[in-house]
Amino acid sequence: MRDILLENIELLRQRMVNMGLEFGLDHPKVLEYSIKIDELHNELNQIDHSLSKVDNSSKKSYRFYLLENKAHFA
């Protein structure tokens, strides 16, 4: 679940940046992407917070890299 959230955040971020470059940062679609990214970050923070209460060793760090407009996590 955590990895899926991270991938969705990165893909939405890429779309938001592209829209912002094309239409400007105050375009309604750019703002919608920003709001959705914020919501996903909040979900991720809730997951991380829950994991930290249960067991600190189960929380894994992550790294991602981009390849052909797809986010990959390691």
PDB file of N, CA and C in Angstrom:
ATOM      1  N   MET A   1       0.824  -1.198   0.000  1.00  0.00           N
ATOM      2  CA  MET A   1       0.000   0.000   0.000  1.00  0.00           C
ATOM      3  C   MET A   1       0.866   1.259   0.000  1.00  0.00           C
ATOM      4  N   ARG A   2       1.902   1.238   0.817  1.00  0.00           N
ATOM      5  CA  ARG A   2       2.789   2.397   0.922  1.00  0.00           C
ATOM      6  C   ARG A   2       3.489   2.674  -0.406  1.00  0.00           C
ATOM      7  N   ASP A   3       3.965   1.607  -1.046  1.00  0.00           N
ATOM      8  CA  ASP A   3       4.656   1.765  -2.331  1.00  0.00           C
ATOM      9  C   ASP A   3       3.713   2.288  -3.408  1.00  0.00           C
ATOM     10  N   ILE A   4       2.475   1.836  -3.379  1.00  0.00           N
ATOM     11  CA  ILE A   4       1.489   2.306  -4.353  1.00  0.00           C
ATOM     12  C   ILE A   4       1.230   3.800  -4.149  1.00  0.00           C
ATOM     13  N   LEU A   5       1.104   4.216  -2.897  1.00  0.00           N
ATOM     14  CA  LEU A   5       0.919   5.641  -2.604  1.00  0.00           C
ATOM     15  C   LEU A   5       2.095   6.465  -3.110  1.00  0.00           C
ATOM     16  N   LEU A   6       3.297   5.986  -2.856  1.00  0.00           N
ATOM     17  CA  LEU A   6       4.491   6.707  -3.306  1.00  0.00           C
ATOM     18  C   LEU A   6       4.524   6.833  -4.822  1.00  0.00           C
ATOM     19  N   GLU A   7       4.176   5.768  -5.499  1.00  0.00           N
ATOM     20  CA  GLU A   7       4.176   5.813  -6.962  1.00  0.00           C
ATOM     21  C   GLU A   7       3.110   6.780  -7.475  1.00  0.00           C
ATOM     22  N   ASN A   8       1.924   6.733  -6.873  1.00  0.00           N
ATOM     23  CA  ASN A   8       0.860   7.650  -7.279  1.00  0.00           C
ATOM     24  C   ASN A   8       1.240   9.105  -7.028  1.00  0.00           C
ATOM     25  N   ILE A   9       1.866   9.368  -5.905  1.00  0.00           N
ATOM     26  CA  ILE A   9       2.311  10.733  -5.598  1.00  0.00           C
ATOM     27  C   ILE A   9       3.278  11.217  -6.660  1.00  0.00           C
ATOM     28  N   GLU A  10       4.244  10.386  -7.014  1.00  0.00           N
ATOM     29  CA  GLU A  10       5.246  10.799  -7.999  1.00  0.00           C
ATOM     30  C   GLU A  10       4.627  11.003  -9.380  1.00  0.00           C
ATOM     31  N   LEU A  11       3.748  10.119  -9.780  1.00  0.00           N
ATOM     32  CA  LEU A  11       3.119  10.264 -11.094  1.00  0.00           C
ATOM     33  C   LEU A  11       2.234  11.509 -11.150  1.00  0.00           C
ATOM     34  N   LEU A  12       1.481  11.764 -10.086  1.00  0.00           N
ATOM     35  CA  LEU A  12       0.671  12.983 -10.040  1.00  0.00           C
ATOM     36  C   LEU A  12       1.544  14.231 -10.024  1.00  0.00           C
ATOM     37  N   ARG A  13       2.673  14.157  -9.339  1.00  0.00           N
ATOM     38  CA  ARG A  13       3.595  15.299  -9.296  1.00  0.00           C
ATOM     39  C   ARG A  13       4.112  15.616 -10.695  1.00  0.00           C
ATOM     40  N   GLN A  14       4.467  14.571 -11.434  1.00  0.00           N
ATOM     41  CA  GLN A  14       4.947  14.779 -12.803  1.00  0.00           C
ATOM     42  C   GLN A  14       3.874  15.435 -13.666  1.00  0.00           C
ATOM     43  N   ARG A  15       2.653  14.944 -13.552  1.00  0.00           N
ATOM     44  CA  ARG A  15       1.552  15.532 -14.325  1.00  0.00           C
ATOM     45  C   ARG A  15       1.320  16.985 -13.927  1.00  0.00           C
ATOM     46  N   MET A  16       1.374  17.245 -12.622  1.00  0.00           N
ATOM     47  CA  MET A  16       1.169  18.603 -12.130  1.00  0.00           C
ATOM     48  C   MET A  16       2.231  19.554 -12.677  1.00  0.00           C
ATOM     49  N   VAL A  17       3.477  19.114 -12.668  1.00  0.00           N
ATOM     50  CA  VAL A  17       4.568  19.943 -13.180  1.00  0.00           C
ATOM     51  C   VAL A  17       4.358  20.226 -14.665  1.00  0.00           C
ATOM     52  N   ASN A  18       4.022  19.202 -15.427  1.00  0.00           N
ATOM     53  CA  ASN A  18       3.786  19.391 -16.857  1.00  0.00           C
ATOM     54  C   ASN A  18       2.632  20.357 -17.114  1.00  0.00           C
ATOM     55  N   MET A  19       1.546  20.194 -16.374  1.00  0.00           N
ATOM     56  CA  MET A  19       0.408  21.108 -16.526  1.00  0.00           C
ATOM     57  C   MET A  19       0.802  22.526 -16.129  1.00  0.00           C
ATOM     58  N   GLY A  20       1.569  22.641 -15.058  1.00  0.00           N
ATOM     59  CA  GLY A  20       2.005  23.957 -14.606  1.00  0.00           C
ATOM     60  C   GLY A  20       2.882  24.656 -15.625  1.00  0.00           C
ATOM     61  N   LEU A  21       3.741  23.898 -16.275  1.00  0.00           N
ATOM     62  CA  LEU A  21       4.595  24.478 -17.306  1.00  0.00           C
ATOM     63  C   LEU A  21       3.791  24.917 -18.525  1.00  0.00           C
ATOM     64  N   GLU A  22       2.761  24.150 -18.830  1.00  0.00           N
ATOM     65  CA  GLU A  22       1.972  24.449 -20.019  1.00  0.00           C
ATOM     66  C   GLU A  22       0.927  25.542 -19.784  1.00  0.00           C
ATOM     67  N   PHE A  23       0.250  25.491 -18.642  1.00  0.00           N
ATOM     68  CA  PHE A  23      -0.886  26.377 -18.414  1.00  0.00           C
ATOM     69  C   PHE A  23      -0.684  27.399 -17.291  1.00  0.00           C
ATOM     70  N   GLY A  24       0.398  27.275 -16.530  1.00  0.00           N
ATOM     71  CA  GLY A  24       0.638  28.178 -15.404  1.00  0.00           C
ATOM     72  C   GLY A  24       0.241  27.528 -14.090  1.00  0.00           C
ATOM     73  N   LEU A  25       0.900  27.975 -13.043  1.00  0.00           N
ATOM     74  CA  LEU A  25       0.705  27.348 -11.733  1.00  0.00           C
ATOM     75  C   LEU A  25      -0.662  27.607 -11.117  1.00  0.00           C
ATOM     76  N   ASP A  26      -1.369  28.632 -11.590  1.00  0.00           N
ATOM     77  CA  ASP A  26      -2.677  28.931 -11.011  1.00  0.00           C
ATOM     78  C   ASP A  26      -3.836  28.317 -11.801  1.00  0.00           C
ATOM     79  N   HIS A  27      -3.528  27.458 -12.756  1.00  0.00           N
ATOM     80  CA  HIS A  27      -4.571  26.780 -13.527  1.00  0.00           C
ATOM     81  C   HIS A  27      -5.323  25.821 -12.601  1.00  0.00           C
ATOM     82  N   PRO A  28      -6.649  25.766 -12.724  1.00  0.00           N
ATOM     83  CA  PRO A  28      -7.447  24.903 -11.831  1.00  0.00           C
ATOM     84  C   PRO A  28      -7.012  23.438 -11.821  1.00  0.00           C
ATOM     85  N   LYS A  29      -6.601  22.907 -12.957  1.00  0.00           N
ATOM     86  CA  LYS A  29      -6.178  21.499 -13.013  1.00  0.00           C
ATOM     87  C   LYS A  29      -4.893  21.285 -12.210  1.00  0.00           C
ATOM     88  N   VAL A  30      -3.978  22.269 -12.253  1.00  0.00           N
ATOM     89  CA  VAL A  30      -2.737  22.188 -11.477  1.00  0.00           C
ATOM     90  C   VAL A  30      -3.077  22.182  -9.986  1.00  0.00           C
ATOM     91  N   LEU A  31      -4.016  23.020  -9.610  1.00  0.00           N
ATOM     92  CA  LEU A  31      -4.420  23.069  -8.201  1.00  0.00           C
ATOM     93  C   LEU A  31      -5.095  21.771  -7.770  1.00  0.00           C
ATOM     94  N   GLU A  32      -5.878  21.165  -8.669  1.00  0.00           N
ATOM     95  CA  GLU A  32      -6.494  19.869  -8.353  1.00  0.00           C
ATOM     96  C   GLU A  32      -5.425  18.802  -8.103  1.00  0.00           C
ATOM     97  N   TYR A  33      -4.402  18.781  -8.955  1.00  0.00           N
ATOM     98  CA  TYR A  33      -3.299  17.836  -8.750  1.00  0.00           C
ATOM     99  C   TYR A  33      -2.630  18.081  -7.402  1.00  0.00           C
ATOM    100  N   SER A  34      -2.401  19.340  -7.072  1.00  0.00           N
ATOM    101  CA  SER A  34      -1.749  19.678  -5.811  1.00  0.00           C
ATOM    102  C   SER A  34      -2.564  19.196  -4.614  1.00  0.00           C
ATOM    103  N   ILE A  35      -3.860  19.395  -4.673  1.00  0.00           N
ATOM    104  CA  ILE A  35      -4.741  18.955  -3.584  1.00  0.00           C
ATOM    105  C   ILE A  35      -4.718  17.429  -3.461  1.00  0.00           C
ATOM    106  N   LYS A  36      -4.777  16.734  -4.592  1.00  0.00           N
ATOM    107  CA  LYS A  36      -4.750  15.266  -4.562  1.00  0.00           C
ATOM    108  C   LYS A  36      -3.420  14.755  -4.001  1.00  0.00           C
ATOM    109  N   ILE A  37      -2.328  15.396  -4.393  1.00  0.00           N
ATOM    110  CA  ILE A  37      -1.013  15.010  -3.871  1.00  0.00           C
ATOM    111  C   ILE A  37      -0.971  15.219  -2.356  1.00  0.00           C
ATOM    112  N   ASP A  38      -1.516  16.338  -1.886  1.00  0.00           N
ATOM    113  CA  ASP A  38      -1.578  16.593  -0.443  1.00  0.00           C
ATOM    114  C   ASP A  38      -2.357  15.498   0.276  1.00  0.00           C
ATOM    115  N   GLU A  39      -3.481  15.080  -0.309  1.00  0.00           N
ATOM    116  CA  GLU A  39      -4.292  14.023   0.306  1.00  0.00           C
ATOM    117  C   GLU A  39      -3.515  12.715   0.389  1.00  0.00           C
ATOM    118  N   LEU A  40      -2.801  12.396  -0.680  1.00  0.00           N
ATOM    119  CA  LEU A  40      -2.013  11.158  -0.676  1.00  0.00           C
ATOM    120  C   LEU A  40      -0.856  11.240   0.318  1.00  0.00           C
ATOM    121  N   HIS A  41      -0.238  12.418   0.438  1.00  0.00           N
ATOM    122  CA  HIS A  41       0.814  12.596   1.444  1.00  0.00           C
ATOM    123  C   HIS A  41       0.251  12.391   2.846  1.00  0.00           C
ATOM    124  N   ASN A  42      -0.949  12.895   3.086  1.00  0.00           N
ATOM    125  CA  ASN A  42      -1.572  12.700   4.393  1.00  0.00           C
ATOM    126  C   ASN A  42      -1.811  11.219   4.666  1.00  0.00           C
ATOM    127  N   GLU A  43      -2.280  10.487   3.661  1.00  0.00           N
ATOM    128  CA  GLU A  43      -2.459   9.040   3.814  1.00  0.00           C
ATOM    129  C   GLU A  43      -1.132   8.357   4.134  1.00  0.00           C
ATOM    130  N   LEU A  44      -0.082   8.749   3.415  1.00  0.00           N
ATOM    131  CA  LEU A  44       1.241   8.175   3.639  1.00  0.00           C
ATOM    132  C   LEU A  44       1.722   8.468   5.063  1.00  0.00           C
ATOM    133  N   ASN A  45       1.517   9.688   5.521  1.00  0.00           N
ATOM    134  CA  ASN A  45       1.908  10.043   6.889  1.00  0.00           C
ATOM    135  C   ASN A  45       1.141   9.228   7.922  1.00  0.00           C
ATOM    136  N   GLN A  46      -0.136   8.969   7.663  1.00  0.00           N
ATOM    137  CA  GLN A  46      -0.921   8.152   8.591  1.00  0.00           C
ATOM    138  C   GLN A  46      -0.379   6.723   8.639  1.00  0.00           C
ATOM    139  N   ILE A  47      -0.048   6.181   7.488  1.00  0.00           N
ATOM    140  CA  ILE A  47       0.527   4.831   7.437  1.00  0.00           C
ATOM    141  C   ILE A  47       1.850   4.799   8.195  1.00  0.00           C
ATOM    142  N   ASP A  48       2.719   5.768   7.912  1.00  0.00           N
ATOM    143  CA  ASP A  48       4.018   5.805   8.580  1.00  0.00           C
ATOM    144  C   ASP A  48       3.862   5.977  10.091  1.00  0.00           C
ATOM    145  N   HIS A  49       2.919   6.795  10.491  1.00  0.00           N
ATOM    146  CA  HIS A  49       2.693   7.012  11.922  1.00  0.00           C
ATOM    147  C   HIS A  49       2.197   5.719  12.585  1.00  0.00           C
ATOM    148  N   SER A  50       1.290   5.033  11.911  1.00  0.00           N
ATOM    149  CA  SER A  50       0.778   3.765  12.442  1.00  0.00           C
ATOM    150  C   SER A  50       1.897   2.730  12.548  1.00  0.00           C
ATOM    151  N   LEU A  51       2.741   2.679  11.522  1.00  0.00           N
ATOM    152  CA  LEU A  51       3.850   1.727  11.546  1.00  0.00           C
ATOM    153  C   LEU A  51       4.829   2.042  12.670  1.00  0.00           C
ATOM    154  N   SER A  52       5.061   3.304  12.925  1.00  0.00           N
ATOM    155  CA  SER A  52       6.023   3.671  13.965  1.00  0.00           C
ATOM    156  C   SER A  52       5.508   3.296  15.351  1.00  0.00           C
ATOM    157  N   LYS A  53       4.192   3.253  15.526  1.00  0.00           N
ATOM    158  CA  LYS A  53       3.622   2.839  16.806  1.00  0.00           C
ATOM    159  C   LYS A  53       3.764   1.337  17.007  1.00  0.00           C
ATOM    160  N   VAL A  54       3.652   0.579  15.923  1.00  0.00           N
ATOM    161  CA  VAL A  54       3.687  -0.884  16.010  1.00  0.00           C
ATOM    162  C   VAL A  54       5.113  -1.386  16.138  1.00  0.00           C
ATOM    163  N   ASP A  55       5.946  -1.013  15.167  1.00  0.00           N
ATOM    164  CA  ASP A  55       7.299  -1.556  15.141  1.00  0.00           C
ATOM    165  C   ASP A  55       8.158  -0.680  14.237  1.00  0.00           C
ATOM    166  N   ASN A  56       9.162  -0.073  14.787  1.00  0.00           N
ATOM    167  CA  ASN A  56      10.026   0.806  13.998  1.00  0.00           C
ATOM    168  C   ASN A  56      10.786   0.058  12.914  1.00  0.00           C
ATOM    169  N   SER A  57      11.040  -1.223  13.093  1.00  0.00           N
ATOM    170  CA  SER A  57      11.807  -1.967  12.091  1.00  0.00           C
ATOM    171  C   SER A  57      10.985  -2.285  10.848  1.00  0.00           C
ATOM    172  N   SER A  58       9.652  -2.221  10.939  1.00  0.00           N
ATOM    173  CA  SER A  58       8.831  -2.539   9.772  1.00  0.00           C
ATOM    174  C   SER A  58       8.714  -1.355   8.812  1.00  0.00           C
ATOM    175  N   LYS A  59       9.084  -0.183   9.259  1.00  0.00           N
ATOM    176  CA  LYS A  59       9.045   0.980   8.374  1.00  0.00           C
ATOM    177  C   LYS A  59      10.307   0.976   7.521  1.00  0.00           C
ATOM    178  N   LYS A  60      10.094   0.859   6.215  1.00  0.00           N
ATOM    179  CA  LYS A  60      11.257   0.805   5.352  1.00  0.00           C
ATOM    180  C   LYS A  60      11.454   2.145   4.649  1.00  0.00           C
ATOM    181  N   SER A  61      12.696   2.485   4.452  1.00  0.00           N
ATOM    182  CA  SER A  61      12.987   3.682   3.681  1.00  0.00           C
ATOM    183  C   SER A  61      12.778   3.351   2.215  1.00  0.00           C
ATOM    184  N   TYR A  62      12.724   4.355   1.406  1.00  0.00           N
ATOM    185  CA  TYR A  62      12.487   4.122  -0.005  1.00  0.00           C
ATOM    186  C   TYR A  62      13.346   5.049  -0.843  1.00  0.00           C
ATOM    187  N   ARG A  63      13.569   4.632  -2.052  1.00  0.00           N
ATOM    188  CA  ARG A  63      14.221   5.426  -3.084  1.00  0.00           C
ATOM    189  C   ARG A  63      13.438   5.184  -4.352  1.00  0.00           C
ATOM    190  N   PHE A  64      13.333   6.197  -5.160  1.00  0.00           N
ATOM    191  CA  PHE A  64      12.670   5.973  -6.434  1.00  0.00           C
ATOM    192  C   PHE A  64      13.476   6.581  -7.554  1.00  0.00           C
ATOM    193  N   TYR A  65      13.254   6.062  -8.715  1.00  0.00           N
ATOM    194  CA  TYR A  65      13.893   6.584  -9.903  1.00  0.00           C
ATOM    195  C   TYR A  65      12.866   6.581 -11.024  1.00  0.00           C
ATOM    196  N   LEU A  66      13.059   7.448 -11.991  1.00  0.00           N
ATOM    197  CA  LEU A  66      12.123   7.580 -13.090  1.00  0.00           C
ATOM    198  C   LEU A  66      12.702   6.927 -14.332  1.00  0.00           C
ATOM    199  N   LEU A  67      11.843   6.215 -15.029  1.00  0.00           N
ATOM    200  CA  LEU A  67      12.240   5.581 -16.267  1.00  0.00           C
ATOM    201  C   LEU A  67      11.023   5.590 -17.189  1.00  0.00           C
ATOM    202  N   GLU A  68      11.126   6.322 -18.278  1.00  0.00           N
ATOM    203  CA  GLU A  68      10.042   6.406 -19.253  1.00  0.00           C
ATOM    204  C   GLU A  68       8.718   6.816 -18.603  1.00  0.00           C
ATOM    205  N   ASN A  69       8.744   7.909 -17.828  1.00  0.00           N
ATOM    206  CA  ASN A  69       7.554   8.464 -17.182  1.00  0.00           C
ATOM    207  C   ASN A  69       6.869   7.511 -16.220  1.00  0.00           C
ATOM    208  N   LYS A  70       7.605   6.538 -15.704  1.00  0.00           N
ATOM    209  CA  LYS A  70       7.077   5.645 -14.679  1.00  0.00           C
ATOM    210  C   LYS A  70       7.984   5.729 -13.462  1.00  0.00           C
ATOM    211  N   ALA A  71       7.398   5.755 -12.311  1.00  0.00           N
ATOM    212  CA  ALA A  71       8.185   5.792 -11.078  1.00  0.00           C
ATOM    213  C   ALA A  71       8.448   4.369 -10.620  1.00  0.00           C
ATOM    214  N   HIS A  72       9.658   4.101 -10.244  1.00  0.00           N
ATOM    215  CA  HIS A  72      10.055   2.785  -9.738  1.00  0.00           C
ATOM    216  C   HIS A  72      10.664   2.979  -8.365  1.00  0.00           C
ATOM    217  N   PHE A  73      10.337   2.103  -7.453  1.00  0.00           N
ATOM    218  CA  PHE A  73      10.814   2.212  -6.088  1.00  0.00           C
ATOM    219  C   PHE A  73      11.719   1.049  -5.750  1.00  0.00           C
ATOM    220  N   ALA A  74      12.757   1.354  -4.999  1.00  0.00           N
ATOM    221  CA  ALA A  74      13.691   0.320  -4.582  1.00  0.00           C
ATOM    222  C   ALA A  74      13.811   0.328  -3.077  1.00  0.00           C
TER     223      ALA A  74
END
